[in-house]
């Protein structure tokens, strides 16, 4: 991991179109190194205003296994959160219905 980081840091010293090529020449050995490489390319492409490269890197990030697993994890947490909220809403609806029925009974008794 440290060697990947060191190679990528050295390759990213200059900010130019050649910088992207020098970053691409580095062959990271770890998943972290590959992800860092994509992020460095993205950062450089955005700084020099290279939109086609920026979009290509974004699509590559989206297709990477690291992104997919992280995205699935976030979705699972969101689904769990939504389920909890739905359960709370159902309980609240049931309680509101009980209160409404009770209020109706009380009004009927008052009228009679």
Protein backbone atom coordinates (compact mmCIF):
# COMPACT_ATOMS: atom_id res chain seq x y z
CA UNK A 1 0.00 0.00 0.00
CA UNK A 2 2.76 2.43 0.91
CA UNK A 3 4.68 1.72 -2.27
CA UNK A 4 1.55 2.34 -4.37
CA UNK A 5 0.96 5.58 -2.52
CA UNK A 6 4.57 6.67 -2.95
CA UNK A 7 4.66 5.91 -6.68
CA UNK A 8 1.37 7.72 -7.27
CA UNK A 9 2.46 10.74 -5.23
CA UNK A 10 5.66 11.02 -7.24
CA UNK A 11 3.76 10.70 -10.53
CA UNK A 12 1.25 13.39 -9.57
CA UNK A 13 3.72 16.17 -8.78
CA UNK A 14 3.06 18.21 -11.93
CA UNK A 15 -0.32 19.53 -13.06
CA UNK A 16 -0.59 19.05 -16.80
CA UNK A 17 -1.92 16.69 -19.43
CA UNK A 18 1.39 14.78 -19.17
CA UNK A 19 0.66 14.30 -15.49
CA UNK A 20 -2.31 12.07 -16.33
CA UNK A 21 -0.05 9.94 -18.52
CA UNK A 22 2.56 9.67 -15.77
CA UNK A 23 -0.12 8.62 -13.27
CA UNK A 24 -1.43 6.04 -15.75
CA UNK A 25 2.06 4.55 -16.12
CA UNK A 26 2.05 3.55 -12.46
CA UNK A 27 0.72 0.01 -11.99
CA UNK A 28 -0.77 -0.17 -8.48
CA UNK A 29 -0.71 -3.57 -6.78
CA UNK A 30 -3.57 -3.02 -4.35
CA UNK A 31 -7.23 -2.10 -4.67
CA UNK A 32 -6.52 1.01 -2.61
CA UNK A 33 -3.76 1.97 -5.04
CA UNK A 34 -6.06 1.56 -8.04
CA UNK A 35 -8.75 3.65 -6.40
CA UNK A 36 -6.24 6.34 -5.46
CA UNK A 37 -4.93 6.34 -9.03
CA UNK A 38 -8.43 6.96 -10.40
CA UNK A 39 -9.00 9.75 -7.91
CA UNK A 40 -5.70 11.43 -8.79
CA UNK A 41 -6.55 11.26 -12.48
CA UNK A 42 -10.00 12.67 -11.75
CA UNK A 43 -8.53 15.52 -9.72
CA UNK A 44 -5.99 16.38 -12.41
CA UNK A 45 -8.54 16.18 -15.22
CA UNK A 46 -10.87 18.53 -13.36
CA UNK A 47 -8.07 21.01 -12.64
CA UNK A 48 -7.03 21.24 -16.30
CA UNK A 49 -10.65 21.22 -17.52
CA UNK A 50 -10.50 17.94 -19.43
CA UNK A 51 -14.19 16.98 -19.35
CA UNK A 52 -14.01 13.79 -21.47
CA UNK A 53 -11.34 12.35 -19.17
CA UNK A 54 -13.30 13.47 -16.11
CA UNK A 55 -16.39 11.59 -17.27
CA UNK A 56 -14.38 8.52 -18.24
CA UNK A 57 -12.84 8.37 -14.78
CA UNK A 58 -16.22 8.83 -13.11
CA UNK A 59 -17.61 5.92 -15.13
CA UNK A 60 -14.56 3.83 -14.27
CA UNK A 61 -15.05 4.61 -10.58
CA UNK A 62 -18.70 3.65 -10.83
CA UNK A 63 -17.77 0.32 -12.44
CA UNK A 64 -15.08 -0.53 -9.88
CA UNK A 65 -15.80 -3.33 -7.39
CA UNK A 66 -14.85 -1.09 -4.46
CA UNK A 67 -17.47 1.48 -5.45
CA UNK A 68 -20.10 -1.19 -6.08
CA UNK A 69 -19.62 -2.80 -2.67
CA UNK A 70 -19.66 0.59 -0.91
CA UNK A 71 -22.76 1.63 -2.86
CA UNK A 72 -24.56 -1.61 -1.93
CA UNK A 73 -23.61 -1.08 1.71
CA UNK A 74 -25.03 2.44 1.68
CA UNK A 75 -28.22 1.23 -0.02
CA UNK A 76 -28.65 -1.54 2.57
CA UNK A 77 -28.30 0.98 5.40
CA UNK A 78 -30.78 3.30 3.70
CA UNK A 79 -33.27 0.44 3.22
CA UNK A 80 -32.94 -0.52 6.89
CA UNK A 81 -33.49 3.10 7.88
CA UNK A 82 -36.57 3.32 5.62
CA UNK A 83 -37.98 0.10 7.11
CA UNK A 84 -37.62 1.50 10.63
CA UNK A 85 -39.35 4.69 9.55
CA UNK A 86 -42.17 2.70 7.93
CA UNK A 87 -42.65 0.68 11.13
CA UNK A 88 -42.80 3.86 13.19
CA UNK A 89 -45.31 5.37 10.76
CA UNK A 90 -47.49 2.25 10.90
CA UNK A 91 -47.45 2.29 14.69
CA UNK A 92 -48.32 5.96 14.68
CA UNK A 93 -51.16 5.36 12.19
CA UNK A 94 -52.56 2.58 14.37
CA UNK A 95 -52.37 4.79 17.43
CA UNK A 96 -54.06 7.65 15.54
CA UNK A 97 -56.85 5.30 14.41
CA UNK A 98 -57.38 4.11 17.98
CA UNK A 99 -57.50 7.71 19.18
CA UNK A 100 -59.98 8.60 16.41
CA UNK A 101 -62.23 5.68 17.35
CA UNK A 102 -62.04 6.65 21.00
CA UNK A 103 -62.89 10.26 20.15
CA UNK A 104 -65.88 9.12 18.06
CA UNK A 105 -67.15 6.95 20.91
CA UNK A 106 -66.79 9.84 23.33
CA UNK A 107 -68.71 12.16 20.98
CA UNK A 108 -71.48 9.59 20.56
CA UNK A 109 -71.77 9.27 24.35
CA UNK A 110 -71.92 13.05 24.72
CA UNK A 111 -74.68 13.30 22.12
CA UNK A 112 -76.74 10.53 23.74
